[in-house]
Amino acid sequence: MSEEVFTSAGTKIYVGTLPETYDQSSMEAVEYTEIGEVTDLGEFGKVYSVVTHNPLGDRKTVKRKGSYNEGSVNMQMARVPSDDGHDILLDALDSDDSYAFKIVLRTRPRFIFPRRL
């Protein structure tokens, strides 16, 4: 069995304004604008808290996965004053509105490595 491995080169991130309602047809109608010159998206995804329990009888700390936070994206990018995506991000800094983000990974892996058992 092979494992697909690919770099993030070719990944694109887009920003759009959220609609008034969050139903499927409204979300599909969001118009996204690409954010140009992004060099790094960092790591993102769910971050779980650790829940601990200390039973007196055996003196050990029991750890379990607790609630999660969806995390955040810390992008690095070159500043391009003429980029529409950058303009939207700058407007968002001074706004209480929420924004939608879409990340599109490159769809075709470039490297396939066999996995050893």
Protein backbone atom coordinates (compact mmCIF):
# COMPACT_ATOMS: atom_id res chain seq x y z
CA MET A 1 0.00 0.00 0.00
CA SER A 2 1.30 3.49 -0.85
CA GLU A 3 0.92 6.67 1.13
CA GLU A 4 0.25 9.91 -0.74
CA VAL A 5 2.63 12.68 0.32
CA PHE A 6 2.57 16.16 -1.14
CA THR A 7 3.82 19.63 -0.31
CA SER A 8 1.53 22.57 0.28
CA ALA A 9 2.88 24.32 -2.83
CA GLY A 10 -0.10 25.23 -4.98
CA THR A 11 -2.46 25.64 -1.99
CA LYS A 12 -4.72 28.70 -2.23
CA ILE A 13 -6.72 30.54 0.44
CA TYR A 14 -9.81 32.63 -0.21
CA VAL A 15 -11.91 35.05 1.87
CA GLY A 16 -15.58 35.97 1.52
CA THR A 17 -18.35 37.64 3.47
CA LEU A 18 -20.71 35.37 5.36
CA PRO A 19 -24.38 35.45 4.38
CA GLU A 20 -27.17 36.36 6.81
CA THR A 21 -28.24 32.71 7.11
CA TYR A 22 -26.06 29.63 7.33
CA ASP A 23 -28.09 27.20 5.26
CA GLN A 24 -26.47 25.18 2.49
CA SER A 25 -27.69 27.25 -0.46
CA SER A 26 -26.58 30.53 1.19
CA MET A 27 -23.14 29.14 2.00
CA GLU A 28 -22.73 27.80 -1.55
CA ALA A 29 -23.53 31.31 -2.86
CA VAL A 30 -20.65 32.97 -0.98
CA GLU A 31 -18.32 34.72 -3.41
CA TYR A 32 -14.70 34.18 -2.44
CA THR A 33 -11.70 36.32 -3.31
CA GLU A 34 -8.23 34.77 -3.40
CA ILE A 35 -5.70 36.19 -0.93
CA GLY A 36 -2.51 36.72 -2.91
CA GLU A 37 1.13 36.18 -1.95
CA VAL A 38 0.47 33.84 1.01
CA THR A 39 3.74 32.13 1.88
CA ASP A 40 2.73 30.02 4.91
CA LEU A 41 -0.59 28.91 6.42
CA GLY A 42 1.00 27.42 9.51
CA GLU A 43 -0.79 24.55 11.24
CA PHE A 44 -4.50 24.57 11.83
CA GLY A 45 -7.28 22.25 12.90
CA LYS A 46 -8.85 21.07 16.11
CA VAL A 47 -6.91 21.56 19.32
CA TYR A 48 -8.10 19.39 22.21
CA SER A 49 -7.82 20.24 25.89
CA VAL A 50 -6.54 17.63 28.33
CA VAL A 51 -8.90 16.59 31.12
CA THR A 52 -7.14 15.13 34.14
CA HIS A 53 -8.44 13.02 37.01
CA ASN A 54 -6.42 12.07 40.10
CA PRO A 55 -7.87 9.05 41.94
CA LEU A 56 -6.58 8.92 45.52
CA GLY A 57 -6.30 5.13 45.61
CA ASP A 58 -3.61 4.64 42.96
CA ARG A 59 -1.99 8.12 42.97
CA LYS A 60 -1.73 8.37 39.19
CA THR A 61 -3.00 11.13 36.93
CA VAL A 62 -5.50 9.88 34.37
CA LYS A 63 -5.61 11.95 31.18
CA ARG A 64 -8.44 12.04 28.67
CA LYS A 65 -9.22 14.07 25.58
CA GLY A 66 -11.58 16.92 26.46
CA SER A 67 -13.36 19.62 24.53
CA TYR A 68 -11.85 21.10 21.40
CA ASN A 69 -11.25 24.47 19.84
CA GLU A 70 -11.21 24.81 16.06
CA GLY A 71 -7.91 26.68 16.34
CA SER A 72 -6.79 29.56 14.19
CA VAL A 73 -4.83 30.17 11.04
CA ASN A 74 -1.70 32.29 11.37
CA MET A 75 -0.85 33.20 7.80
CA GLN A 76 2.33 34.78 6.58
CA MET A 77 2.19 36.78 3.38
CA ALA A 78 3.80 39.57 1.45
CA ARG A 79 1.83 42.81 1.56
CA VAL A 80 0.36 43.64 -1.85
CA PRO A 81 -1.63 46.92 -1.70
CA SER A 82 -3.33 46.21 -5.04
CA ASP A 83 -4.60 42.72 -4.00
CA ASP A 84 -8.37 42.50 -3.47
CA GLY A 85 -7.99 39.71 -0.90
CA HIS A 86 -5.64 41.88 1.16
CA ASP A 87 -8.15 44.75 1.01
CA ILE A 88 -10.87 42.50 2.42
CA LEU A 89 -8.56 41.34 5.25
CA LEU A 90 -7.71 44.95 6.13
CA ASP A 91 -11.42 45.87 6.20
CA ALA A 92 -12.08 42.84 8.41
CA LEU A 93 -9.61 44.12 11.03
CA ASP A 94 -11.93 47.03 11.88
CA SER A 95 -15.18 45.11 11.50
CA ASP A 96 -17.31 43.05 13.87
CA ASP A 97 -18.60 41.02 10.92
CA SER A 98 -17.63 37.39 10.43
CA TYR A 99 -15.87 36.20 7.30
CA ALA A 100 -15.75 32.88 5.49
CA PHE A 101 -12.44 31.31 4.50
CA LYS A 102 -11.84 28.55 1.99
CA ILE A 103 -8.58 26.65 1.65
CA VAL A 104 -8.03 24.67 -1.53
CA LEU A 105 -5.22 22.13 -1.40
CA ARG A 106 -3.44 21.06 -4.53
CA THR A 107 -5.43 18.07 -5.67
CA ARG A 108 -2.79 15.93 -7.32
CA PRO A 109 -0.01 14.50 -5.14
CA ARG A 110 3.46 14.68 -6.59
CA PHE A 111 5.19 12.03 -4.47
CA ILE A 112 4.06 8.52 -3.62
CA PHE A 113 6.13 6.56 -1.14
CA PRO A 114 5.58 2.87 -0.32
CA ARG A 115 4.71 2.30 3.31
CA ARG A 116 6.53 -0.47 5.13
CA LEU A 117 4.66 -2.79 7.44
